[in-house]
Amino acid sequence: MLSPVVLYRNIEDDTQERDICARLMPTTSFRSAIRPGSIVLGRYSVLPYYDELEKELSSRGSRLINSWREHRFIADASEWGGPGGALEGMTPRTWRSDEWANLPEGSYVLKGRTNSRKTQWATHMFAATRADVPAVASRLYDDPFILQQGLVAREYVPLRKLNDGLNGLPITNEWRTFWLVVNGIPLILCSGYYWASHPECAATASFPKEANEVAHHAAVRIADHASFFVLDMAETADGRWIVVEVNDGQMSGLSMCNPEELYANMADAIRLIANPKGSSRDSDLP
């Protein structure tokens, strides 16, 4: 039986989240304090040396909630968003930079395989036409953080807009959902409005039953590739729901998810993973 523990990096602006986590789950900031036989949730603490951390924990009989292989799958949008990817048909089509010669005409969103520069939407993310792709890409290639990830171009799908942010960034009806896979079944831990920087939009945003159903369908697909992940769901301008991003749950901010709900449900679910003999396919989690 594995014992759950949260390896939590100290970050000044999230002390409230850490305090809540510590009330609900065993928590430490030191690798050396992790006992053998632990299942480790590396909250904000797995990067940049993920592979090293996994090997160190493994040498002591413990493991991360997401393996290095699982993390690499999540962190590469071309893996789940590209042709034949896990979310094909549920997320904007995605092309690696070596495939851009065959981009169809249209508008695109450019980003690193993991991260974007969305606060510089007009200059470092949105390409209104295929002809604009090289100019946006050249600006991103000047960014060492994005450059080392490799670039992808994603089909631009207009979303239901609630407001305008900096540099023309559309503030949309978008929601962050956290998922943990237990016995092969993805369980939703919590959901919250994505744009914490625009709380005034939360009152007019909504995450209806149909959106949750689409999210669950997507989570079933991702569950074959990762254990703890985030799906960012958004409503399109024509009323459909799609997956905008997949992220490693260990490194994903809360947005407007309730930390009490997240960590209470996480504590219950991770104990089922740690003690599979005492778990079943049914769960009281939401």
C-alpha atoms as a PDB file:
ATOM      1  CA  MET A   1       0.000   0.000   0.000  1.00  0.00           C
ATOM      2  CA  LEU A   2       1.347   3.427  -1.000  1.00  0.00           C
ATOM      3  CA  SER A   3       1.007   6.483   1.238  1.00  0.00           C
ATOM      4  CA  PRO A   4      -0.058   9.740  -0.467  1.00  0.00           C
ATOM      5  CA  VAL A   5       2.004  12.904   0.043  1.00  0.00           C
ATOM      6  CA  VAL A   6       2.028  16.318  -1.652  1.00  0.00           C
ATOM      7  CA  LEU A   7       5.476  17.695  -2.507  1.00  0.00           C
ATOM      8  CA  TYR A   8       4.681  21.396  -2.446  1.00  0.00           C
ATOM      9  CA  ARG A   9       7.079  24.088  -3.632  1.00  0.00           C
ATOM     10  CA  ASN A  10       6.859  27.247  -1.537  1.00  0.00           C
ATOM     11  CA  ILE A  11       5.433  30.060  -3.656  1.00  0.00           C
ATOM     12  CA  GLU A  12       4.657  33.339  -1.932  1.00  0.00           C
ATOM     13  CA  ASP A  13       1.394  34.048  -3.742  1.00  0.00           C
ATOM     14  CA  ASP A  14      -0.253  30.687  -3.027  1.00  0.00           C
ATOM     15  CA  THR A  15       0.199  30.286   0.730  1.00  0.00           C
ATOM     16  CA  GLN A  16      -3.579  30.022   1.189  1.00  0.00           C
ATOM     17  CA  GLU A  17      -3.768  27.097  -1.225  1.00  0.00           C
ATOM     18  CA  ARG A  18      -0.893  25.345   0.511  1.00  0.00           C
ATOM     19  CA  ASP A  19      -2.461  25.841   3.939  1.00  0.00           C
ATOM     20  CA  ILE A  20      -5.704  24.283   2.715  1.00  0.00           C
ATOM     21  CA  CYS A  21      -3.803  21.405   1.125  1.00  0.00           C
ATOM     22  CA  ALA A  22      -1.846  20.778   4.328  1.00  0.00           C
ATOM     23  CA  ARG A  23      -5.061  20.476   6.342  1.00  0.00           C
ATOM     24  CA  LEU A  24      -6.360  17.738   4.053  1.00  0.00           C
ATOM     25  CA  MET A  25      -3.275  15.795   2.905  1.00  0.00           C
ATOM     26  CA  PRO A  26       0.268  15.053   4.149  1.00  0.00           C
ATOM     27  CA  THR A  27       2.463  17.828   2.714  1.00  0.00           C
ATOM     28  CA  THR A  28       6.182  18.552   2.550  1.00  0.00           C
ATOM     29  CA  SER A  29       8.555  20.893   0.731  1.00  0.00           C
ATOM     30  CA  PHE A  30      11.547  18.537   0.917  1.00  0.00           C
ATOM     31  CA  ARG A  31      12.262  15.467  -1.207  1.00  0.00           C
ATOM     32  CA  SER A  32      14.334  14.086   1.654  1.00  0.00           C
ATOM     33  CA  ALA A  33      11.238  14.015   3.885  1.00  0.00           C
ATOM     34  CA  ILE A  34       9.303  11.707   1.548  1.00  0.00           C
ATOM     35  CA  ARG A  35       9.185   8.226   3.002  1.00  0.00           C
ATOM     36  CA  PRO A  36       9.690   5.107   0.898  1.00  0.00           C
ATOM     37  CA  GLY A  37       6.418   3.698  -0.381  1.00  0.00           C
ATOM     38  CA  SER A  38       4.822   7.074  -1.148  1.00  0.00           C
ATOM     39  CA  ILE A  39       2.684   8.179  -4.065  1.00  0.00           C
ATOM     40  CA  VAL A  40       3.777  11.768  -4.653  1.00  0.00           C
ATOM     41  CA  LEU A  41       1.731  14.620  -6.050  1.00  0.00           C
ATOM     42  CA  GLY A  42       4.328  17.222  -7.013  1.00  0.00           C
ATOM     43  CA  ARG A  43       2.274  20.398  -6.662  1.00  0.00           C
ATOM     44  CA  TYR A  44       4.205  23.160  -8.483  1.00  0.00           C
ATOM     45  CA  SER A  45       7.408  21.203  -7.792  1.00  0.00           C
ATOM     46  CA  VAL A  46       8.131  18.704 -10.592  1.00  0.00           C
ATOM     47  CA  LEU A  47       9.756  21.077 -13.081  1.00  0.00           C
ATOM     48  CA  PRO A  48      12.333  21.680 -14.388  1.00  0.00           C
ATOM     49  CA  TYR A  49      13.901  18.375 -13.284  1.00  0.00           C
ATOM     50  CA  TYR A  50      10.938  16.027 -13.677  1.00  0.00           C
ATOM     51  CA  ASP A  51      12.917  13.053 -14.981  1.00  0.00           C
ATOM     52  CA  GLU A  52      15.470  13.401 -12.193  1.00  0.00           C
ATOM     53  CA  LEU A  53      12.742  13.608  -9.536  1.00  0.00           C
ATOM     54  CA  GLU A  54      11.007  10.504 -10.896  1.00  0.00           C
ATOM     55  CA  LYS A  55      14.248   8.496 -10.804  1.00  0.00           C
ATOM     56  CA  GLU A  56      15.097   9.694  -7.304  1.00  0.00           C
ATOM     57  CA  LEU A  57      11.677   8.740  -5.944  1.00  0.00           C
ATOM     58  CA  SER A  58      11.753   5.404  -7.748  1.00  0.00           C
ATOM     59  CA  SER A  59      15.119   4.558  -6.189  1.00  0.00           C
ATOM     60  CA  ARG A  60      13.442   4.946  -2.798  1.00  0.00           C
ATOM     61  CA  GLY A  61      10.366   2.879  -3.635  1.00  0.00           C
ATOM     62  CA  SER A  62       8.022   5.807  -4.315  1.00  0.00           C
ATOM     63  CA  ARG A  63       6.464   7.235  -7.469  1.00  0.00           C
ATOM     64  CA  LEU A  64       4.947  10.395  -8.902  1.00  0.00           C
ATOM     65  CA  ILE A  65       1.229  10.557  -9.647  1.00  0.00           C
ATOM     66  CA  ASN A  66       2.155  11.207 -13.308  1.00  0.00           C
ATOM     67  CA  SER A  67       5.198   9.487 -14.733  1.00  0.00           C
ATOM     68  CA  TRP A  68       7.692  11.396 -16.865  1.00  0.00           C
ATOM     69  CA  ARG A  69       6.196   9.689 -19.926  1.00  0.00           C
ATOM     70  CA  GLU A  70       2.685  10.773 -18.916  1.00  0.00           C
ATOM     71  CA  HIS A  71       3.850  14.325 -18.318  1.00  0.00           C
ATOM     72  CA  ARG A  72       5.511  14.493 -21.745  1.00  0.00           C
ATOM     73  CA  PHE A  73       2.276  13.369 -23.389  1.00  0.00           C
ATOM     74  CA  ILE A  74       0.235  16.055 -21.629  1.00  0.00           C
ATOM     75  CA  ALA A  75       2.817  18.781 -22.226  1.00  0.00           C
ATOM     76  CA  ASP A  76       2.901  18.311 -26.004  1.00  0.00           C
ATOM     77  CA  ALA A  77      -0.225  19.698 -27.680  1.00  0.00           C
ATOM     78  CA  SER A  78       0.662  17.850 -30.881  1.00  0.00           C
ATOM     79  CA  GLU A  79       0.293  14.527 -29.022  1.00  0.00           C
ATOM     80  CA  TRP A  80      -3.359  14.987 -28.084  1.00  0.00           C
ATOM     81  CA  GLY A  81      -4.392  17.674 -30.574  1.00  0.00           C
ATOM     82  CA  GLY A  82      -2.638  16.582 -33.748  1.00  0.00           C
ATOM     83  CA  PRO A  83      -3.927  14.262 -36.490  1.00  0.00           C
ATOM     84  CA  GLY A  84      -4.843  10.965 -34.881  1.00  0.00           C
ATOM     85  CA  GLY A  85      -4.340  12.467 -31.423  1.00  0.00           C
ATOM     86  CA  ALA A  86      -6.321  11.411 -28.375  1.00  0.00           C
ATOM     87  CA  LEU A  87      -8.700  14.379 -28.659  1.00  0.00           C
ATOM     88  CA  GLU A  88      -9.091  14.507 -32.430  1.00  0.00           C
ATOM     89  CA  GLY A  89     -12.496  16.039 -33.194  1.00  0.00           C
ATOM     90  CA  MET A  90     -12.823  17.476 -29.670  1.00  0.00           C
ATOM     91  CA  THR A  91     -10.113  20.165 -29.786  1.00  0.00           C
ATOM     92  CA  PRO A  92      -8.751  22.580 -32.414  1.00  0.00           C
ATOM     93  CA  ARG A  93      -6.585  20.837 -34.990  1.00  0.00           C
ATOM     94  CA  THR A  94      -2.887  21.158 -34.215  1.00  0.00           C
ATOM     95  CA  TRP A  95       0.216  21.103 -36.417  1.00  0.00           C
ATOM     96  CA  ARG A  96       3.907  20.899 -35.439  1.00  0.00           C
ATOM     97  CA  SER A  97       6.196  23.460 -37.048  1.00  0.00           C
ATOM     98  CA  ASP A  98       7.596  20.858 -39.465  1.00  0.00           C
ATOM     99  CA  GLU A  99       4.051  20.420 -40.833  1.00  0.00           C
ATOM    100  CA  TRP A 100       3.310  24.098 -41.480  1.00  0.00           C
ATOM    101  CA  ALA A 101       4.034  23.905 -45.200  1.00  0.00           C
ATOM    102  CA  ASN A 102       0.683  22.132 -45.554  1.00  0.00           C
ATOM    103  CA  LEU A 103      -1.430  24.435 -43.381  1.00  0.00           C
ATOM    104  CA  PRO A 104      -4.841  25.112 -44.952  1.00  0.00           C
ATOM    105  CA  GLU A 105      -6.025  28.683 -45.374  1.00  0.00           C
ATOM    106  CA  GLY A 106      -7.501  30.113 -42.184  1.00  0.00           C
ATOM    107  CA  SER A 107      -6.741  31.750 -38.856  1.00  0.00           C
ATOM    108  CA  TYR A 108      -4.359  30.230 -36.302  1.00  0.00           C
ATOM    109  CA  VAL A 109      -3.232  30.364 -32.708  1.00  0.00           C
ATOM    110  CA  LEU A 110       0.537  29.888 -32.295  1.00  0.00           C
ATOM    111  CA  LYS A 111       2.130  28.745 -29.054  1.00  0.00           C
ATOM    112  CA  GLY A 112       4.795  26.532 -27.549  1.00  0.00           C
ATOM    113  CA  ARG A 113       3.915  22.877 -27.265  1.00  0.00           C
ATOM    114  CA  THR A 114       3.123  23.551 -23.595  1.00  0.00           C
ATOM    115  CA  ASN A 115       2.933  27.300 -22.945  1.00  0.00           C
ATOM    116  CA  SER A 116       1.691  30.382 -24.755  1.00  0.00           C
ATOM    117  CA  ARG A 117       2.115  34.147 -24.588  1.00  0.00           C
ATOM    118  CA  LYS A 118      -1.602  34.863 -24.422  1.00  0.00           C
ATOM    119  CA  THR A 119      -1.151  38.254 -22.772  1.00  0.00           C
ATOM    120  CA  GLN A 120       0.538  39.254 -26.058  1.00  0.00           C
ATOM    121  CA  TRP A 121      -2.352  37.877 -28.071  1.00  0.00           C
ATOM    122  CA  ALA A 122      -2.258  40.317 -30.980  1.00  0.00           C
ATOM    123  CA  THR A 123       1.476  39.951 -31.670  1.00  0.00           C
ATOM    124  CA  HIS A 124       2.650  36.622 -30.208  1.00  0.00           C
ATOM    125  CA  MET A 125      -0.338  34.310 -30.500  1.00  0.00           C
ATOM    126  CA  PHE A 126      -3.014  35.140 -33.073  1.00  0.00           C
ATOM    127  CA  ALA A 127      -2.382  34.841 -36.810  1.00  0.00           C
ATOM    128  CA  ALA A 128      -5.400  36.161 -38.717  1.00  0.00           C
ATOM    129  CA  THR A 129      -4.396  34.349 -41.908  1.00  0.00           C
ATOM    130  CA  ARG A 130      -2.009  31.614 -42.959  1.00  0.00           C
ATOM    131  CA  ALA A 131       0.240  34.336 -44.411  1.00  0.00           C
ATOM    132  CA  ASP A 132       0.571  35.867 -40.921  1.00  0.00           C
ATOM    133  CA  VAL A 133       1.916  32.671 -39.354  1.00  0.00           C
ATOM    134  CA  PRO A 134       5.647  33.314 -40.117  1.00  0.00           C
ATOM    135  CA  ALA A 135       5.597  36.783 -38.539  1.00  0.00           C
ATOM    136  CA  VAL A 136       3.968  35.572 -35.332  1.00  0.00           C
ATOM    137  CA  ALA A 137       6.291  32.565 -35.234  1.00  0.00           C
ATOM    138  CA  SER A 138       9.380  34.755 -35.621  1.00  0.00           C
ATOM    139  CA  ARG A 139       8.387  36.719 -32.511  1.00  0.00           C
ATOM    140  CA  LEU A 140       7.957  33.502 -30.539  1.00  0.00           C
ATOM    141  CA  TYR A 141      11.312  32.228 -31.775  1.00  0.00           C
ATOM    142  CA  ASP A 142      12.854  35.247 -30.013  1.00  0.00           C
ATOM    143  CA  ASP A 143      11.435  33.941 -26.729  1.00  0.00           C
ATOM    144  CA  PRO A 144      13.919  31.382 -25.270  1.00  0.00           C
ATOM    145  CA  PHE A 145      11.288  29.825 -22.987  1.00  0.00           C
ATOM    146  CA  ILE A 146       8.878  29.137 -25.856  1.00  0.00           C
ATOM    147  CA  LEU A 147      11.599  28.297 -28.362  1.00  0.00           C
ATOM    148  CA  GLN A 148      12.959  25.369 -26.357  1.00  0.00           C
ATOM    149  CA  GLN A 149       9.492  23.767 -26.311  1.00  0.00           C
ATOM    150  CA  GLY A 150       9.033  23.832 -30.072  1.00  0.00           C
ATOM    151  CA  LEU A 151       6.079  25.617 -31.694  1.00  0.00           C
ATOM    152  CA  VAL A 152       2.664  24.405 -32.763  1.00  0.00           C
ATOM    153  CA  ALA A 153      -0.036  26.093 -34.812  1.00  0.00           C
ATOM    154  CA  ARG A 154      -3.596  25.441 -33.719  1.00  0.00           C
ATOM    155  CA  GLU A 155      -6.733  26.022 -35.719  1.00  0.00           C
ATOM    156  CA  TYR A 156      -8.404  29.208 -34.476  1.00  0.00           C
ATOM    157  CA  VAL A 157     -11.935  28.446 -33.294  1.00  0.00           C
ATOM    158  CA  PRO A 158     -13.943  31.548 -32.264  1.00  0.00           C
ATOM    159  CA  LEU A 159     -15.199  31.196 -28.703  1.00  0.00           C
ATOM    160  CA  ARG A 160     -18.102  32.812 -26.888  1.00  0.00           C
ATOM    161  CA  LYS A 161     -16.547  36.099 -25.787  1.00  0.00           C
ATOM    162  CA  LEU A 162     -17.502  37.790 -22.525  1.00  0.00           C
ATOM    163  CA  ASN A 163     -14.980  40.645 -22.543  1.00  0.00           C
ATOM    164  CA  ASP A 164     -11.730  41.898 -24.061  1.00  0.00           C
ATOM    165  CA  GLY A 165      -8.396  41.598 -22.282  1.00  0.00           C
ATOM    166  CA  LEU A 166      -4.957  43.070 -22.930  1.00  0.00           C
ATOM    167  CA  ASN A 167      -3.818  43.300 -26.534  1.00  0.00           C
ATOM    168  CA  GLY A 168      -7.178  42.128 -27.852  1.00  0.00           C
ATOM    169  CA  LEU A 169      -7.137  38.860 -25.880  1.00  0.00           C
ATOM    170  CA  PRO A 170     -10.689  37.449 -25.905  1.00  0.00           C
ATOM    171  CA  ILE A 171     -12.006  36.664 -22.413  1.00  0.00           C
ATOM    172  CA  THR A 172     -14.285  33.707 -23.014  1.00  0.00           C
ATOM    173  CA  ASN A 173     -16.687  31.257 -21.400  1.00  0.00           C
ATOM    174  CA  GLU A 174     -13.884  28.897 -20.438  1.00  0.00           C
ATOM    175  CA  TRP A 175     -13.636  26.550 -17.474  1.00  0.00           C
ATOM    176  CA  ARG A 176     -10.819  24.660 -15.789  1.00  0.00           C
ATOM    177  CA  THR A 177     -11.550  21.095 -14.668  1.00  0.00           C
ATOM    178  CA  PHE A 178      -9.237  18.855 -12.601  1.00  0.00           C
ATOM    179  CA  TRP A 179      -9.307  15.054 -13.108  1.00  0.00           C
ATOM    180  CA  LEU A 180      -7.735  12.078 -11.354  1.00  0.00           C
ATOM    181  CA  VAL A 181      -7.841   8.559 -12.778  1.00  0.00           C
ATOM    182  CA  VAL A 182      -8.798   5.848 -10.271  1.00  0.00           C
ATOM    183  CA  ASN A 183      -8.932   2.212 -11.397  1.00  0.00           C
ATOM    184  CA  GLY A 184      -8.922   3.400 -15.006  1.00  0.00           C
ATOM    185  CA  ILE A 185     -11.878   5.754 -14.457  1.00  0.00           C
ATOM    186  CA  PRO A 186     -11.385   9.546 -14.598  1.00  0.00           C
ATOM    187  CA  LEU A 187     -13.041  11.349 -11.682  1.00  0.00           C
ATOM    188  CA  ILE A 188     -13.641  15.098 -11.769  1.00  0.00           C
ATOM    189  CA  LEU A 189     -12.255  16.762  -8.653  1.00  0.00           C
ATOM    190  CA  CYS A 190     -13.504  20.300  -9.230  1.00  0.00           C
ATOM    191  CA  SER A 191     -14.304  22.891 -11.871  1.00  0.00           C
ATOM    192  CA  GLY A 192     -14.029  26.669 -11.891  1.00  0.00           C
ATOM    193  CA  TYR A 193     -14.142  29.635 -14.229  1.00  0.00           C
ATOM    194  CA  TYR A 194     -10.821  29.866 -16.039  1.00  0.00           C
ATOM    195  CA  TRP A 195     -10.231  33.624 -16.186  1.00  0.00           C
ATOM    196  CA  ALA A 196      -9.354  34.425 -12.567  1.00  0.00           C
ATOM    197  CA  SER A 197      -7.870  37.682 -13.881  1.00  0.00           C
ATOM    198  CA  HIS A 198     -11.402  38.696 -14.936  1.00  0.00           C
ATOM    199  CA  PRO A 199     -13.666  37.678 -12.033  1.00  0.00           C
ATOM    200  CA  GLU A 200     -16.311  40.133 -13.250  1.00  0.00           C
ATOM    201  CA  CYS A 201     -16.998  37.741 -16.141  1.00  0.00           C
ATOM    202  CA  ALA A 202     -17.692  34.760 -13.880  1.00  0.00           C
ATOM    203  CA  ALA A 203     -21.236  35.964 -13.202  1.00  0.00           C
ATOM    204  CA  THR A 204     -22.161  35.687 -16.892  1.00  0.00           C
ATOM    205  CA  ALA A 205     -20.189  32.478 -17.510  1.00  0.00           C
ATOM    206  CA  SER A 206     -21.719  29.027 -17.169  1.00  0.00           C
ATOM    207  CA  PHE A 207     -20.650  25.387 -17.256  1.00  0.00           C
ATOM    208  CA  PRO A 208     -23.830  23.475 -18.108  1.00  0.00           C
ATOM    209  CA  LYS A 209     -24.465  19.742 -17.942  1.00  0.00           C
ATOM    210  CA  GLU A 210     -23.644  19.307 -21.624  1.00  0.00           C
ATOM    211  CA  ALA A 211     -20.218  20.877 -21.071  1.00  0.00           C
ATOM    212  CA  ASN A 212     -19.519  18.486 -18.217  1.00  0.00           C
ATOM    213  CA  GLU A 213     -20.523  15.555 -20.427  1.00  0.00           C
ATOM    214  CA  VAL A 214     -18.114  16.639 -23.168  1.00  0.00           C
ATOM    215  CA  ALA A 215     -15.371  17.089 -20.557  1.00  0.00           C
ATOM    216  CA  HIS A 216     -15.982  13.590 -19.208  1.00  0.00           C
ATOM    217  CA  HIS A 217     -15.840  12.104 -22.701  1.00  0.00           C
ATOM    218  CA  ALA A 218     -12.503  13.873 -23.265  1.00  0.00           C
ATOM    219  CA  ALA A 219     -11.211  12.756 -19.859  1.00  0.00           C
ATOM    220  CA  VAL A 220     -11.912   9.120 -20.751  1.00  0.00           C
ATOM    221  CA  ARG A 221      -9.666   9.526 -23.790  1.00  0.00           C
ATOM    222  CA  ILE A 222      -6.874  11.208 -21.835  1.00  0.00           C
ATOM    223  CA  ALA A 223      -7.114   8.638 -19.027  1.00  0.00           C
ATOM    224  CA  ASP A 224      -5.363   6.139 -21.296  1.00  0.00           C
ATOM    225  CA  HIS A 225      -2.303   8.410 -21.278  1.00  0.00           C
ATOM    226  CA  ALA A 226      -2.132  10.227 -17.915  1.00  0.00           C
ATOM    227  CA  SER A 227      -3.345   9.990 -14.326  1.00  0.00           C
ATOM    228  CA  PHE A 228      -3.727  13.559 -13.001  1.00  0.00           C
ATOM    229  CA  PHE A 229      -4.619  16.240 -15.517  1.00  0.00           C
ATOM    230  CA  VAL A 230      -6.529  19.407 -16.237  1.00  0.00           C
ATOM    231  CA  LEU A 231      -8.927  19.951 -19.113  1.00  0.00           C
ATOM    232  CA  ASP A 232      -9.704  23.553 -20.014  1.00  0.00           C
ATOM    233  CA  MET A 233     -13.131  23.558 -21.632  1.00  0.00           C
ATOM    234  CA  ALA A 234     -14.617  26.411 -23.669  1.00  0.00           C
ATOM    235  CA  GLU A 235     -17.880  27.249 -25.386  1.00  0.00           C
ATOM    236  CA  THR A 236     -17.507  28.112 -29.051  1.00  0.00           C
ATOM    237  CA  ALA A 237     -19.244  31.097 -30.637  1.00  0.00           C
ATOM    238  CA  ASP A 238     -21.821  28.710 -32.116  1.00  0.00           C
ATOM    239  CA  GLY A 239     -22.584  27.025 -28.783  1.00  0.00           C
ATOM    240  CA  ARG A 240     -20.480  23.838 -28.918  1.00  0.00           C
ATOM    241  CA  TRP A 241     -18.067  22.779 -26.167  1.00  0.00           C
ATOM    242  CA  ILE A 242     -14.447  21.894 -26.945  1.00  0.00           C
ATOM    243  CA  VAL A 243     -11.198  21.174 -25.120  1.00  0.00           C
ATOM    244  CA  VAL A 244      -8.859  24.156 -25.365  1.00  0.00           C
ATOM    245  CA  GLU A 245      -5.913  22.758 -23.397  1.00  0.00           C
ATOM    246  CA  VAL A 246      -4.718  19.694 -21.511  1.00  0.00           C
ATOM    247  CA  ASN A 247      -2.295  20.324 -18.645  1.00  0.00           C
ATOM    248  CA  ASP A 248      -0.488  18.338 -15.970  1.00  0.00           C
ATOM    249  CA  GLY A 249      -2.598  18.702 -12.833  1.00  0.00           C
ATOM    250  CA  GLN A 250       0.544  19.005 -10.730  1.00  0.00           C
ATOM    251  CA  MET A 251       1.582  22.261 -12.384  1.00  0.00           C
ATOM    252  CA  SER A 252      -1.810  23.816 -13.166  1.00  0.00           C
ATOM    253  CA  GLY A 253      -3.007  26.882 -11.266  1.00  0.00           C
ATOM    254  CA  LEU A 254      -6.429  26.857  -9.653  1.00  0.00           C
ATOM    255  CA  SER A 255      -8.023  29.538 -11.851  1.00  0.00           C
ATOM    256  CA  MET A 256     -11.310  29.918  -9.923  1.00  0.00           C
ATOM    257  CA  CYS A 257     -11.540  26.323  -8.707  1.00  0.00           C
ATOM    258  CA  ASN A 258     -12.341  26.012  -5.000  1.00  0.00           C
ATOM    259  CA  PRO A 259      -9.179  24.716  -3.257  1.00  0.00           C
ATOM    260  CA  GLU A 260     -11.194  23.151  -0.421  1.00  0.00           C
ATOM    261  CA  GLU A 261     -13.179  21.122  -2.946  1.00  0.00           C
ATOM    262  CA  LEU A 262     -10.102  20.219  -4.992  1.00  0.00           C
ATOM    263  CA  TYR A 263      -7.991  18.938  -2.121  1.00  0.00           C
ATOM    264  CA  ALA A 264     -10.817  17.209  -0.239  1.00  0.00           C
ATOM    265  CA  ASN A 265     -11.781  15.257  -3.349  1.00  0.00           C
ATOM    266  CA  MET A 266      -8.134  14.683  -4.231  1.00  0.00           C
ATOM    267  CA  ALA A 267      -7.435  13.246  -0.775  1.00  0.00           C
ATOM    268  CA  ASP A 268     -10.323  10.796  -1.121  1.00  0.00           C
ATOM    269  CA  ALA A 269      -9.415   9.768  -4.666  1.00  0.00           C
ATOM    270  CA  ILE A 270      -5.678   9.405  -4.128  1.00  0.00           C
ATOM    271  CA  ARG A 271      -6.283   7.108  -1.164  1.00  0.00           C
ATOM    272  CA  LEU A 272      -8.181   4.815  -3.523  1.00  0.00           C
ATOM    273  CA  ILE A 273      -5.134   4.771  -5.815  1.00  0.00           C
ATOM    274  CA  ALA A 274      -2.817   4.138  -2.875  1.00  0.00           C
ATOM    275  CA  ASN A 275      -5.013   1.333  -1.526  1.00  0.00           C
ATOM    276  CA  PRO A 276      -6.558  -0.362  -4.577  1.00  0.00           C
ATOM    277  CA  LYS A 277      -7.805  -3.361  -2.558  1.00  0.00           C
ATOM    278  CA  GLY A 278     -10.114  -1.072  -0.668  1.00  0.00           C
ATOM    279  CA  SER A 279     -11.507   0.702  -3.749  1.00  0.00           C
ATOM    280  CA  SER A 280     -14.256  -0.074  -6.200  1.00  0.00           C
ATOM    281  CA  ARG A 281     -15.420   1.176  -9.555  1.00  0.00           C
ATOM    282  CA  ASP A 282     -18.088   3.234  -7.838  1.00  0.00           C
ATOM    283  CA  SER A 283     -17.200   6.489  -6.106  1.00  0.00           C
ATOM    284  CA  ASP A 284     -18.936   9.174  -4.103  1.00  0.00           C
ATOM    285  CA  LEU A 285     -16.786  11.839  -5.723  1.00  0.00           C
ATOM    286  CA  PRO A 286     -18.605  14.350  -7.941  1.00  0.00           C
END
